[in-house]
Amino acid sequence: MDPEERARKEAIAEESNREARRILEEDNAKRKAKGLPPRVISNWRSYVKSLGLPWPNWGSFIVRFKPEELLDHLEKVYEVHYEPEDLKEPSINFVVLVNEDANSDPSENQLKKIAKEFRGSVGIFRGSKTPQELLKQMGEESPE
């Protein structure tokens, strides 16, 4: 997606989010006056669309990131959300699904490094064509 298209879609989403938040705040104020708990939205996009507000079609896309960026992000999450509450550092695990004909990916080693830093592990499953085959590789029964 080119930068102009992304900016246009982000502007639509931002405006719709702003209006949806305003409507939700009004709704929750009315609910509070009646002694009701605030409304909980489990799917924000569906809620926005249910209000008749526009929502951009983002299409399908893959978010690419560098492992160093992920590590930096995880460290910030820990600093902001775990340290102030004196919580134990989370364990971070990764599951990597690889086509049987794919070569080894150098990012696998980087994921292993991140997992190790956060007391986790990396499971690499090669050649799994279906979830059932993956479960078989893991030694688990497939739910029918």
N, C-alpha and C. Protein backbone atom coordinates (compact mmCIF):
# COMPACT_ATOMS: atom_id res chain seq x y z
N MET A 1 0.86 -1.17 0.00
CA MET A 1 0.00 0.00 0.00
C MET A 1 0.90 1.24 0.00
N ASP A 2 0.62 2.15 -0.90
CA ASP A 2 1.47 3.33 -0.98
C ASP A 2 1.17 4.28 0.19
N PRO A 3 2.12 5.14 0.52
CA PRO A 3 1.97 6.03 1.69
C PRO A 3 0.73 6.93 1.64
N GLU A 4 0.37 7.42 0.46
CA GLU A 4 -0.82 8.27 0.37
C GLU A 4 -2.09 7.50 0.69
N GLU A 5 -2.19 6.29 0.16
CA GLU A 5 -3.36 5.44 0.42
C GLU A 5 -3.44 5.09 1.90
N ARG A 6 -2.29 4.75 2.49
CA ARG A 6 -2.26 4.43 3.92
C ARG A 6 -2.70 5.64 4.74
N ALA A 7 -2.20 6.82 4.41
CA ALA A 7 -2.57 8.04 5.14
C ALA A 7 -4.07 8.31 5.03
N ARG A 8 -4.62 8.11 3.83
CA ARG A 8 -6.06 8.33 3.62
C ARG A 8 -6.87 7.36 4.49
N LYS A 9 -6.47 6.10 4.48
CA LYS A 9 -7.19 5.10 5.28
C LYS A 9 -7.04 5.36 6.78
N GLU A 10 -5.85 5.77 7.19
CA GLU A 10 -5.63 6.07 8.60
C GLU A 10 -6.49 7.25 9.04
N ALA A 11 -6.66 8.25 8.17
CA ALA A 11 -7.50 9.41 8.49
C ALA A 11 -8.96 8.99 8.65
N ILE A 12 -9.44 8.11 7.78
CA ILE A 12 -10.81 7.61 7.88
C ILE A 12 -10.99 6.86 9.20
N ALA A 13 -10.05 5.97 9.49
CA ALA A 13 -10.13 5.18 10.73
C ALA A 13 -10.07 6.08 11.95
N GLU A 14 -9.20 7.08 11.93
CA GLU A 14 -9.06 7.99 13.07
C GLU A 14 -10.35 8.75 13.33
N GLU A 15 -10.96 9.27 12.28
CA GLU A 15 -12.21 10.02 12.42
C GLU A 15 -13.33 9.11 12.91
N SER A 16 -13.43 7.92 12.36
CA SER A 16 -14.47 6.98 12.80
C SER A 16 -14.23 6.55 14.24
N ASN A 17 -12.98 6.32 14.62
CA ASN A 17 -12.66 5.96 16.01
C ASN A 17 -13.05 7.08 16.96
N ARG A 18 -12.75 8.31 16.58
CA ARG A 18 -13.07 9.47 17.41
C ARG A 18 -14.59 9.55 17.64
N GLU A 19 -15.36 9.42 16.56
CA GLU A 19 -16.82 9.50 16.66
C GLU A 19 -17.38 8.32 17.46
N ALA A 20 -16.84 7.13 17.25
CA ALA A 20 -17.31 5.95 17.98
C ALA A 20 -17.02 6.09 19.48
N ARG A 21 -15.84 6.63 19.82
CA ARG A 21 -15.52 6.85 21.24
C ARG A 21 -16.49 7.86 21.86
N ARG A 22 -16.82 8.92 21.10
CA ARG A 22 -17.76 9.92 21.60
C ARG A 22 -19.13 9.28 21.87
N ILE A 23 -19.60 8.47 20.93
CA ILE A 23 -20.91 7.82 21.08
C ILE A 23 -20.87 6.84 22.26
N LEU A 24 -19.79 6.09 22.39
CA LEU A 24 -19.67 5.14 23.50
C LEU A 24 -19.64 5.86 24.84
N GLU A 25 -18.93 6.98 24.91
CA GLU A 25 -18.89 7.75 26.16
C GLU A 25 -20.28 8.25 26.53
N GLU A 26 -21.04 8.74 25.55
CA GLU A 26 -22.42 9.19 25.80
C GLU A 26 -23.28 8.03 26.28
N ASP A 27 -23.17 6.90 25.58
CA ASP A 27 -23.93 5.70 25.95
C ASP A 27 -23.59 5.26 27.38
N ASN A 28 -22.31 5.24 27.72
CA ASN A 28 -21.91 4.82 29.05
C ASN A 28 -22.33 5.81 30.13
N ALA A 29 -22.37 7.10 29.80
CA ALA A 29 -22.87 8.09 30.76
C ALA A 29 -24.35 7.83 31.06
N LYS A 30 -25.13 7.52 30.02
CA LYS A 30 -26.55 7.20 30.21
C LYS A 30 -26.70 5.92 31.02
N ARG A 31 -25.87 4.93 30.73
CA ARG A 31 -25.93 3.67 31.47
C ARG A 31 -25.58 3.89 32.94
N LYS A 32 -24.58 4.73 33.20
CA LYS A 32 -24.17 5.01 34.58
C LYS A 32 -25.30 5.68 35.34
N ALA A 33 -25.98 6.62 34.68
CA ALA A 33 -27.11 7.31 35.32
C ALA A 33 -28.22 6.33 35.70
N LYS A 34 -28.34 5.23 34.97
CA LYS A 34 -29.35 4.22 35.25
C LYS A 34 -28.84 3.14 36.20
N GLY A 35 -27.57 3.29 36.65
CA GLY A 35 -26.99 2.29 37.54
C GLY A 35 -26.46 1.06 36.84
N LEU A 36 -26.28 1.16 35.53
CA LEU A 36 -25.78 0.04 34.75
C LEU A 36 -24.27 0.14 34.57
N PRO A 37 -23.59 -1.00 34.41
CA PRO A 37 -22.14 -0.95 34.17
C PRO A 37 -21.86 -0.44 32.76
N PRO A 38 -20.64 0.02 32.52
CA PRO A 38 -20.30 0.50 31.17
C PRO A 38 -20.37 -0.64 30.16
N ARG A 39 -20.66 -0.28 28.96
CA ARG A 39 -20.71 -1.24 27.86
C ARG A 39 -19.29 -1.67 27.52
N VAL A 40 -19.10 -2.94 27.31
CA VAL A 40 -17.79 -3.47 26.94
C VAL A 40 -17.84 -3.87 25.47
N ILE A 41 -16.91 -3.37 24.69
CA ILE A 41 -16.86 -3.65 23.26
C ILE A 41 -15.79 -4.71 23.03
N SER A 42 -16.20 -5.87 22.54
CA SER A 42 -15.23 -6.94 22.33
C SER A 42 -14.61 -6.90 20.93
N ASN A 43 -15.31 -6.27 19.98
CA ASN A 43 -14.76 -6.17 18.63
C ASN A 43 -14.98 -4.73 18.15
N TRP A 44 -13.95 -3.93 18.30
CA TRP A 44 -14.07 -2.50 18.02
C TRP A 44 -14.47 -2.22 16.58
N ARG A 45 -13.88 -2.92 15.62
CA ARG A 45 -14.20 -2.68 14.21
C ARG A 45 -15.67 -2.96 13.95
N SER A 46 -16.19 -4.06 14.49
CA SER A 46 -17.61 -4.38 14.30
C SER A 46 -18.49 -3.32 14.95
N TYR A 47 -18.06 -2.83 16.11
CA TYR A 47 -18.84 -1.78 16.79
C TYR A 47 -18.89 -0.52 15.93
N VAL A 48 -17.75 -0.11 15.42
CA VAL A 48 -17.69 1.10 14.58
C VAL A 48 -18.60 0.93 13.37
N LYS A 49 -18.51 -0.22 12.72
CA LYS A 49 -19.35 -0.47 11.55
C LYS A 49 -20.83 -0.51 11.91
N SER A 50 -21.16 -1.04 13.10
CA SER A 50 -22.57 -1.11 13.52
C SER A 50 -23.17 0.28 13.72
N LEU A 51 -22.31 1.26 13.95
CA LEU A 51 -22.77 2.65 14.10
C LEU A 51 -22.97 3.32 12.74
N GLY A 52 -22.64 2.60 11.68
CA GLY A 52 -22.76 3.15 10.34
C GLY A 52 -21.61 4.05 9.96
N LEU A 53 -20.54 3.98 10.72
CA LEU A 53 -19.37 4.81 10.43
C LEU A 53 -18.48 4.10 9.41
N PRO A 54 -17.79 4.87 8.58
CA PRO A 54 -16.91 4.23 7.59
C PRO A 54 -15.71 3.57 8.25
N TRP A 55 -15.29 2.47 7.68
CA TRP A 55 -14.08 1.79 8.15
C TRP A 55 -13.30 1.33 6.92
N PRO A 56 -12.04 1.70 6.84
CA PRO A 56 -11.27 1.36 5.64
C PRO A 56 -11.05 -0.14 5.50
N ASN A 57 -10.98 -0.58 4.27
CA ASN A 57 -10.63 -1.96 3.99
C ASN A 57 -9.11 -2.00 3.86
N TRP A 58 -8.47 -2.56 4.85
CA TRP A 58 -7.01 -2.58 4.86
C TRP A 58 -6.47 -3.68 3.97
N GLY A 59 -7.32 -4.59 3.56
CA GLY A 59 -6.84 -5.72 2.77
C GLY A 59 -6.02 -6.62 3.66
N SER A 60 -5.40 -7.58 3.09
CA SER A 60 -4.54 -8.44 3.90
C SER A 60 -3.10 -7.99 3.70
N PHE A 61 -2.39 -7.95 4.77
CA PHE A 61 -0.99 -7.56 4.69
C PHE A 61 -0.22 -8.21 5.82
N ILE A 62 1.04 -8.31 5.63
CA ILE A 62 1.91 -8.90 6.63
C ILE A 62 2.72 -7.77 7.25
N VAL A 63 2.75 -7.75 8.56
CA VAL A 63 3.55 -6.75 9.25
C VAL A 63 4.96 -7.31 9.37
N ARG A 64 5.89 -6.59 8.84
CA ARG A 64 7.28 -7.02 8.91
C ARG A 64 7.99 -6.19 9.97
N PHE A 65 8.80 -6.83 10.74
CA PHE A 65 9.56 -6.14 11.76
C PHE A 65 10.91 -6.81 11.88
N LYS A 66 11.83 -6.07 12.40
CA LYS A 66 13.15 -6.62 12.67
C LYS A 66 13.12 -7.20 14.07
N PRO A 67 13.79 -8.32 14.30
CA PRO A 67 13.80 -8.91 15.64
C PRO A 67 14.27 -7.93 16.72
N GLU A 68 15.19 -7.02 16.35
CA GLU A 68 15.65 -6.03 17.34
C GLU A 68 14.50 -5.10 17.74
N GLU A 69 13.63 -4.78 16.76
CA GLU A 69 12.47 -3.93 17.06
C GLU A 69 11.51 -4.65 18.00
N LEU A 70 11.32 -5.94 17.77
CA LEU A 70 10.44 -6.72 18.64
C LEU A 70 11.02 -6.78 20.05
N LEU A 71 12.29 -7.05 20.17
CA LEU A 71 12.93 -7.11 21.48
C LEU A 71 12.80 -5.77 22.20
N ASP A 72 13.05 -4.68 21.49
CA ASP A 72 12.91 -3.35 22.07
C ASP A 72 11.48 -3.12 22.56
N HIS A 73 10.51 -3.51 21.76
CA HIS A 73 9.10 -3.35 22.13
C HIS A 73 8.77 -4.18 23.38
N LEU A 74 9.21 -5.43 23.40
CA LEU A 74 8.93 -6.29 24.55
C LEU A 74 9.55 -5.74 25.83
N GLU A 75 10.76 -5.21 25.71
CA GLU A 75 11.42 -4.61 26.88
C GLU A 75 10.63 -3.40 27.39
N LYS A 76 10.10 -2.59 26.47
CA LYS A 76 9.29 -1.43 26.88
C LYS A 76 7.99 -1.86 27.53
N VAL A 77 7.36 -2.90 26.97
CA VAL A 77 6.13 -3.43 27.57
C VAL A 77 6.42 -3.86 29.01
N TYR A 78 7.53 -4.55 29.22
CA TYR A 78 7.91 -4.99 30.55
C TYR A 78 8.12 -3.78 31.49
N GLU A 79 8.86 -2.79 31.01
CA GLU A 79 9.15 -1.61 31.84
C GLU A 79 7.88 -0.85 32.22
N VAL A 80 6.95 -0.72 31.27
CA VAL A 80 5.74 0.08 31.51
C VAL A 80 4.67 -0.68 32.29
N HIS A 81 4.50 -1.97 31.98
CA HIS A 81 3.38 -2.70 32.55
C HIS A 81 3.74 -3.68 33.67
N TYR A 82 4.96 -4.19 33.68
CA TYR A 82 5.32 -5.20 34.67
C TYR A 82 6.09 -4.61 35.84
N GLU A 83 7.14 -3.82 35.55
CA GLU A 83 7.96 -3.27 36.63
C GLU A 83 7.17 -2.43 37.63
N PRO A 84 6.29 -1.50 37.18
CA PRO A 84 5.57 -0.68 38.16
C PRO A 84 4.68 -1.51 39.10
N GLU A 85 4.21 -2.65 38.64
CA GLU A 85 3.36 -3.52 39.46
C GLU A 85 4.18 -4.59 40.18
N ASP A 86 5.50 -4.53 40.02
CA ASP A 86 6.41 -5.49 40.62
C ASP A 86 6.05 -6.92 40.22
N LEU A 87 5.71 -7.10 38.94
CA LEU A 87 5.36 -8.41 38.40
C LEU A 87 6.60 -9.07 37.81
N LYS A 88 6.59 -10.39 37.80
CA LYS A 88 7.68 -11.17 37.21
C LYS A 88 7.68 -10.96 35.69
N GLU A 89 8.88 -10.91 35.13
CA GLU A 89 9.00 -10.75 33.68
C GLU A 89 8.26 -11.89 32.97
N PRO A 90 7.51 -11.57 31.91
CA PRO A 90 6.75 -12.62 31.23
C PRO A 90 7.66 -13.59 30.48
N SER A 91 7.13 -14.75 30.21
CA SER A 91 7.82 -15.74 29.39
C SER A 91 7.29 -15.58 27.97
N ILE A 92 8.18 -15.42 27.01
CA ILE A 92 7.80 -15.21 25.61
C ILE A 92 8.18 -16.45 24.81
N ASN A 93 7.19 -17.02 24.13
CA ASN A 93 7.40 -18.22 23.30
C ASN A 93 6.98 -17.92 21.87
N PHE A 94 7.63 -18.58 20.93
CA PHE A 94 7.29 -18.42 19.52
C PHE A 94 7.02 -19.79 18.90
N VAL A 95 6.07 -19.83 17.99
CA VAL A 95 5.81 -21.02 17.18
C VAL A 95 6.03 -20.60 15.73
N VAL A 96 6.92 -21.30 15.05
CA VAL A 96 7.26 -20.99 13.67
C VAL A 96 6.82 -22.16 12.79
N LEU A 97 5.94 -21.87 11.83
CA LEU A 97 5.50 -22.88 10.87
C LEU A 97 6.24 -22.65 9.58
N VAL A 98 6.92 -23.67 9.07
CA VAL A 98 7.75 -23.53 7.88
C VAL A 98 7.33 -24.57 6.85
N ASN A 99 7.17 -24.14 5.60
CA ASN A 99 6.89 -25.09 4.51
C ASN A 99 8.00 -26.12 4.45
N GLU A 100 7.64 -27.34 4.02
CA GLU A 100 8.64 -28.40 3.97
C GLU A 100 9.76 -28.11 2.98
N ASP A 101 9.50 -27.31 1.94
CA ASP A 101 10.53 -27.03 0.96
C ASP A 101 11.25 -25.70 1.20
N ALA A 102 10.97 -25.06 2.32
CA ALA A 102 11.60 -23.77 2.63
C ALA A 102 12.98 -23.98 3.24
N ASN A 103 13.87 -23.05 2.96
CA ASN A 103 15.19 -23.07 3.58
C ASN A 103 15.08 -22.52 4.99
N SER A 104 16.09 -22.76 5.77
CA SER A 104 16.12 -22.23 7.13
C SER A 104 16.11 -20.70 7.08
N ASP A 105 15.37 -20.12 7.97
CA ASP A 105 15.23 -18.67 8.02
C ASP A 105 16.18 -18.12 9.08
N PRO A 106 17.04 -17.14 8.72
CA PRO A 106 17.97 -16.58 9.70
C PRO A 106 17.27 -15.95 10.90
N SER A 107 16.01 -15.53 10.71
CA SER A 107 15.31 -14.90 11.84
C SER A 107 14.99 -15.92 12.93
N GLU A 108 15.04 -17.22 12.61
CA GLU A 108 14.80 -18.24 13.63
C GLU A 108 15.79 -18.09 14.78
N ASN A 109 17.06 -17.86 14.46
CA ASN A 109 18.08 -17.70 15.50
C ASN A 109 17.82 -16.45 16.32
N GLN A 110 17.35 -15.40 15.65
CA GLN A 110 17.06 -14.17 16.38
C GLN A 110 15.86 -14.38 17.31
N LEU A 111 14.85 -15.13 16.84
CA LEU A 111 13.70 -15.42 17.70
C LEU A 111 14.14 -16.24 18.91
N LYS A 112 15.05 -17.17 18.69
CA LYS A 112 15.57 -17.98 19.80
C LYS A 112 16.25 -17.09 20.84
N LYS A 113 16.98 -16.08 20.34
CA LYS A 113 17.67 -15.16 21.25
C LYS A 113 16.65 -14.37 22.08
N ILE A 114 15.58 -13.89 21.43
CA ILE A 114 14.54 -13.13 22.14
C ILE A 114 13.85 -14.03 23.15
N ALA A 115 13.50 -15.24 22.73
CA ALA A 115 12.83 -16.18 23.63
C ALA A 115 13.71 -16.47 24.85
N LYS A 116 14.99 -16.69 24.61
CA LYS A 116 15.91 -16.98 25.71
C LYS A 116 15.97 -15.81 26.70
N GLU A 117 16.00 -14.59 26.16
CA GLU A 117 16.06 -13.41 27.01
C GLU A 117 14.81 -13.27 27.89
N PHE A 118 13.68 -13.80 27.39
CA PHE A 118 12.42 -13.72 28.14
C PHE A 118 11.97 -15.09 28.65
N ARG A 119 12.94 -15.94 29.00
CA ARG A 119 12.67 -17.24 29.60
C ARG A 119 11.69 -18.09 28.81
N GLY A 120 11.74 -18.02 27.49
CA GLY A 120 10.81 -18.78 26.66
C GLY A 120 11.53 -19.74 25.73
N SER A 121 10.81 -20.19 24.73
CA SER A 121 11.39 -21.12 23.77
C SER A 121 10.77 -20.88 22.39
N VAL A 122 11.36 -21.53 21.40
CA VAL A 122 10.88 -21.44 20.03
C VAL A 122 10.60 -22.85 19.54
N GLY A 123 9.38 -23.05 19.05
CA GLY A 123 9.04 -24.33 18.44
C GLY A 123 9.01 -24.14 16.93
N ILE A 124 9.81 -24.92 16.21
CA ILE A 124 9.87 -24.81 14.75
C ILE A 124 9.30 -26.09 14.17
N PHE A 125 8.23 -25.95 13.42
CA PHE A 125 7.56 -27.10 12.83
C PHE A 125 7.67 -27.00 11.32
N ARG A 126 8.37 -27.95 10.74
CA ARG A 126 8.61 -27.95 9.30
C ARG A 126 7.70 -28.95 8.60
N GLY A 127 7.18 -28.51 7.46
CA GLY A 127 6.43 -29.41 6.61
C GLY A 127 5.01 -29.71 7.05
N SER A 128 4.48 -28.99 8.02
CA SER A 128 3.10 -29.22 8.45
C SER A 128 2.16 -28.58 7.45
N LYS A 129 1.31 -29.40 6.86
CA LYS A 129 0.39 -28.87 5.87
C LYS A 129 -0.96 -28.52 6.47
N THR A 130 -1.33 -29.16 7.57
CA THR A 130 -2.63 -28.90 8.20
C THR A 130 -2.43 -28.80 9.71
N PRO A 131 -3.39 -28.20 10.40
CA PRO A 131 -3.30 -28.15 11.86
C PRO A 131 -3.25 -29.56 12.47
N GLN A 132 -3.96 -30.52 11.84
CA GLN A 132 -3.94 -31.88 12.35
C GLN A 132 -2.53 -32.47 12.28
N GLU A 133 -1.84 -32.20 11.16
CA GLU A 133 -0.47 -32.70 11.02
C GLU A 133 0.44 -32.05 12.06
N LEU A 134 0.23 -30.78 12.32
CA LEU A 134 1.02 -30.08 13.33
C LEU A 134 0.80 -30.72 14.70
N LEU A 135 -0.46 -30.99 15.04
CA LEU A 135 -0.75 -31.62 16.32
C LEU A 135 -0.08 -32.99 16.41
N LYS A 136 -0.06 -33.72 15.28
CA LYS A 136 0.58 -35.03 15.24
C LYS A 136 2.07 -34.89 15.55
N GLN A 137 2.72 -33.87 14.92
CA GLN A 137 4.13 -33.62 15.16
C GLN A 137 4.39 -33.30 16.63
N MET A 138 3.42 -32.63 17.26
CA MET A 138 3.57 -32.25 18.65
C MET A 138 3.22 -33.41 19.58
N GLY A 139 2.70 -34.50 19.00
CA GLY A 139 2.35 -35.66 19.82
C GLY A 139 1.04 -35.50 20.54
N GLU A 140 0.14 -34.70 20.00
CA GLU A 140 -1.16 -34.49 20.63
C GLU A 140 -2.25 -35.01 19.73
N GLU A 141 -3.39 -35.29 20.34
CA GLU A 141 -4.54 -35.75 19.59
C GLU A 141 -5.22 -34.57 18.92
N SER A 142 -5.74 -34.81 17.74
CA SER A 142 -6.48 -33.78 17.02
C SER A 142 -7.93 -33.76 17.51
N PRO A 143 -8.43 -32.59 17.92
CA PRO A 143 -9.84 -32.53 18.35
C PRO A 143 -10.74 -32.74 17.14
N GLU A 144 -11.70 -33.60 17.26
CA GLU A 144 -12.62 -33.87 16.14
C GLU A 144 -13.89 -33.10 16.31
